Amino acid sequence: MLRKRIAWATHGCLEPFVPVAKTIPKQLAGIVARVATEISVGRGEDASGTVRTNARRASGRHTADSVIAALLL
């Protein structure tokens, strides 16, 4: 079914879909692997946001050790 949609999009009238439709077959293995493993970047993004927030809170501290200590609280 996906192949039919890709074929429709590459030969269809909607010009914005054509580049995407041509990219999907090239990246299909990665797309399938991503869907199959159900890996999400959400946890990494959450951790990054936490680190940034805590680093902002620790802005008065002048050493990396102080910032790390604040992150570990």
N, C-alpha and C. Protein backbone atom coordinates (compact mmCIF):
# COMPACT_ATOMS: atom_id res chain seq x y z
N MET A 1 0.82 -1.19 0.00
CA MET A 1 0.00 0.00 0.00
C MET A 1 0.87 1.27 0.00
N LEU A 2 1.96 1.23 0.79
CA LEU A 2 2.84 2.40 0.82
C LEU A 2 3.46 2.66 -0.54
N ARG A 3 3.84 1.61 -1.23
CA ARG A 3 4.44 1.78 -2.57
C ARG A 3 3.46 2.42 -3.55
N LYS A 4 2.18 2.05 -3.44
CA LYS A 4 1.16 2.66 -4.30
C LYS A 4 1.02 4.15 -4.00
N ARG A 5 1.05 4.49 -2.73
CA ARG A 5 0.95 5.90 -2.34
C ARG A 5 2.15 6.70 -2.83
N ILE A 6 3.34 6.08 -2.72
CA ILE A 6 4.56 6.76 -3.18
C ILE A 6 4.48 6.98 -4.69
N ALA A 7 4.05 5.95 -5.41
CA ALA A 7 3.91 6.08 -6.86
C ALA A 7 2.91 7.17 -7.21
N TRP A 8 1.80 7.22 -6.50
CA TRP A 8 0.79 8.25 -6.74
C TRP A 8 1.38 9.63 -6.48
N ALA A 9 2.12 9.74 -5.38
CA ALA A 9 2.67 11.06 -5.01
C ALA A 9 3.74 11.53 -5.98
N THR A 10 4.55 10.60 -6.49
CA THR A 10 5.60 11.02 -7.41
C THR A 10 5.04 11.40 -8.78
N HIS A 11 3.91 10.83 -9.13
CA HIS A 11 3.33 11.12 -10.43
C HIS A 11 2.06 11.96 -10.34
N GLY A 12 1.74 12.38 -9.12
CA GLY A 12 0.51 13.13 -8.91
C GLY A 12 0.64 14.59 -9.25
N CYS A 13 -0.43 15.29 -9.00
CA CYS A 13 -0.49 16.72 -9.32
C CYS A 13 0.03 17.60 -8.20
N LEU A 14 0.23 17.05 -7.03
CA LEU A 14 0.62 17.87 -5.89
C LEU A 14 2.14 17.99 -5.84
N GLU A 15 2.65 19.09 -6.35
CA GLU A 15 4.10 19.30 -6.46
C GLU A 15 4.84 19.22 -5.12
N PRO A 16 4.30 19.72 -4.00
CA PRO A 16 5.05 19.64 -2.74
C PRO A 16 5.33 18.21 -2.28
N PHE A 17 4.51 17.25 -2.71
CA PHE A 17 4.70 15.86 -2.29
C PHE A 17 5.75 15.13 -3.09
N VAL A 18 6.07 15.61 -4.26
CA VAL A 18 7.00 14.90 -5.15
C VAL A 18 8.39 14.71 -4.52
N PRO A 19 9.04 15.73 -3.97
CA PRO A 19 10.36 15.52 -3.36
C PRO A 19 10.31 14.56 -2.17
N VAL A 20 9.27 14.66 -1.37
CA VAL A 20 9.13 13.76 -0.23
C VAL A 20 8.93 12.34 -0.71
N ALA A 21 8.10 12.17 -1.71
CA ALA A 21 7.83 10.83 -2.24
C ALA A 21 9.08 10.21 -2.86
N LYS A 22 9.95 11.02 -3.39
CA LYS A 22 11.20 10.48 -3.95
C LYS A 22 12.21 10.15 -2.86
N THR A 23 12.11 10.83 -1.72
CA THR A 23 13.04 10.59 -0.61
C THR A 23 12.67 9.33 0.17
N ILE A 24 11.39 9.06 0.32
CA ILE A 24 10.95 7.92 1.14
C ILE A 24 11.57 6.60 0.70
N PRO A 25 11.58 6.23 -0.58
CA PRO A 25 12.20 4.95 -0.94
C PRO A 25 13.69 4.87 -0.59
N LYS A 26 14.39 6.00 -0.66
CA LYS A 26 15.81 6.01 -0.31
C LYS A 26 16.01 5.76 1.18
N GLN A 27 15.08 6.22 1.99
CA GLN A 27 15.19 6.14 3.45
C GLN A 27 14.28 5.06 4.04
N LEU A 28 13.71 4.20 3.21
CA LEU A 28 12.70 3.25 3.66
C LEU A 28 13.20 2.30 4.74
N ALA A 29 14.42 1.82 4.61
CA ALA A 29 14.95 0.89 5.62
C ALA A 29 15.01 1.55 7.00
N GLY A 30 15.45 2.78 7.05
CA GLY A 30 15.51 3.51 8.32
C GLY A 30 14.13 3.81 8.87
N ILE A 31 13.19 4.13 8.00
CA ILE A 31 11.83 4.41 8.43
C ILE A 31 11.20 3.16 9.03
N VAL A 32 11.36 2.03 8.35
CA VAL A 32 10.81 0.77 8.84
C VAL A 32 11.46 0.37 10.17
N ALA A 33 12.78 0.53 10.27
CA ALA A 33 13.48 0.20 11.51
C ALA A 33 12.99 1.08 12.65
N ARG A 34 12.78 2.35 12.39
CA ARG A 34 12.31 3.28 13.42
C ARG A 34 10.93 2.88 13.91
N VAL A 35 10.04 2.55 13.01
CA VAL A 35 8.69 2.17 13.38
C VAL A 35 8.69 0.83 14.12
N ALA A 36 9.52 -0.11 13.66
CA ALA A 36 9.57 -1.44 14.26
C ALA A 36 10.13 -1.42 15.68
N THR A 37 11.12 -0.59 15.94
CA THR A 37 11.74 -0.56 17.27
C THR A 37 11.01 0.36 18.24
N GLU A 38 10.13 1.21 17.73
CA GLU A 38 9.36 2.14 18.55
C GLU A 38 10.25 3.03 19.42
N ILE A 39 11.45 3.34 18.92
CA ILE A 39 12.36 4.23 19.65
C ILE A 39 11.88 5.66 19.47
N SER A 40 11.92 6.40 20.53
CA SER A 40 11.48 7.79 20.49
C SER A 40 12.59 8.69 20.98
N VAL A 41 12.63 9.89 20.46
CA VAL A 41 13.61 10.86 20.92
C VAL A 41 13.06 11.68 22.08
N GLY A 42 11.85 11.37 22.49
CA GLY A 42 11.20 12.12 23.56
C GLY A 42 11.99 12.12 24.85
N ARG A 43 12.53 10.98 25.26
CA ARG A 43 13.29 10.91 26.51
C ARG A 43 14.55 11.76 26.42
N GLY A 44 15.22 11.70 25.30
CA GLY A 44 16.43 12.51 25.13
C GLY A 44 16.11 13.99 25.15
N GLU A 45 15.02 14.37 24.50
CA GLU A 45 14.61 15.77 24.49
C GLU A 45 14.22 16.23 25.89
N ASP A 46 13.55 15.35 26.64
CA ASP A 46 13.16 15.69 28.00
C ASP A 46 14.39 15.91 28.88
N ALA A 47 15.37 15.02 28.75
CA ALA A 47 16.60 15.15 29.54
C ALA A 47 17.34 16.43 29.16
N SER A 48 17.37 16.73 27.89
CA SER A 48 18.04 17.94 27.43
C SER A 48 17.37 19.18 27.99
N GLY A 49 16.06 19.19 27.99
CA GLY A 49 15.32 20.32 28.54
C GLY A 49 15.58 20.49 30.03
N THR A 50 15.64 19.36 30.74
CA THR A 50 15.92 19.41 32.17
C THR A 50 17.30 19.97 32.44
N VAL A 51 18.27 19.52 31.67
CA VAL A 51 19.64 20.01 31.85
C VAL A 51 19.71 21.51 31.57
N ARG A 52 19.07 21.96 30.50
CA ARG A 52 19.09 23.38 30.16
C ARG A 52 18.42 24.23 31.25
N THR A 53 17.28 23.73 31.75
CA THR A 53 16.58 24.47 32.80
C THR A 53 17.44 24.58 34.05
N ASN A 54 18.03 23.48 34.46
CA ASN A 54 18.86 23.50 35.66
C ASN A 54 20.13 24.32 35.45
N ALA A 55 20.69 24.31 34.26
CA ALA A 55 21.87 25.13 33.99
C ALA A 55 21.53 26.61 34.08
N ARG A 56 20.32 26.98 33.62
CA ARG A 56 19.88 28.37 33.74
C ARG A 56 19.70 28.76 35.20
N ARG A 57 19.17 27.84 35.99
CA ARG A 57 18.99 28.11 37.41
C ARG A 57 20.34 28.26 38.12
N ALA A 58 21.35 27.57 37.61
CA ALA A 58 22.67 27.60 38.23
C ALA A 58 23.55 28.68 37.62
N SER A 59 22.96 29.65 36.98
CA SER A 59 23.74 30.65 36.24
C SER A 59 24.67 31.47 37.12
N GLY A 60 24.40 31.57 38.42
CA GLY A 60 25.29 32.33 39.29
C GLY A 60 26.53 31.56 39.69
N ARG A 61 26.52 30.29 39.45
CA ARG A 61 27.67 29.46 39.83
C ARG A 61 28.70 29.52 38.70
N HIS A 62 29.94 29.54 39.05
CA HIS A 62 30.96 29.81 38.04
C HIS A 62 31.79 28.61 37.63
N THR A 63 31.52 27.45 38.19
CA THR A 63 32.32 26.29 37.80
C THR A 63 31.41 25.20 37.27
N ALA A 64 31.97 24.34 36.46
CA ALA A 64 31.21 23.22 35.91
C ALA A 64 30.76 22.29 37.03
N ASP A 65 31.58 22.14 38.07
CA ASP A 65 31.21 21.28 39.19
C ASP A 65 29.95 21.79 39.88
N SER A 66 29.81 23.08 40.00
CA SER A 66 28.61 23.66 40.62
C SER A 66 27.36 23.36 39.80
N VAL A 67 27.47 23.49 38.49
CA VAL A 67 26.34 23.21 37.61
C VAL A 67 25.99 21.72 37.67
N ILE A 68 26.99 20.85 37.65
CA ILE A 68 26.74 19.42 37.72
C ILE A 68 26.08 19.06 39.04
N ALA A 69 26.54 19.65 40.13
CA ALA A 69 25.93 19.40 41.42
C ALA A 69 24.46 19.81 41.42
N ALA A 70 24.14 20.94 40.80
CA ALA A 70 22.75 21.40 40.72
C ALA A 70 21.92 20.44 39.89
N LEU A 71 22.50 19.85 38.84
CA LEU A 71 21.78 18.91 37.99
C LEU A 71 21.49 17.62 38.75
N LEU A 72 22.36 17.23 39.63
CA LEU A 72 22.20 15.97 40.34
C LEU A 72 21.26 16.08 41.53
N LEU A 73 20.80 17.27 41.87
CA LEU A 73 19.86 17.43 42.99
C LEU A 73 18.52 16.87 42.68
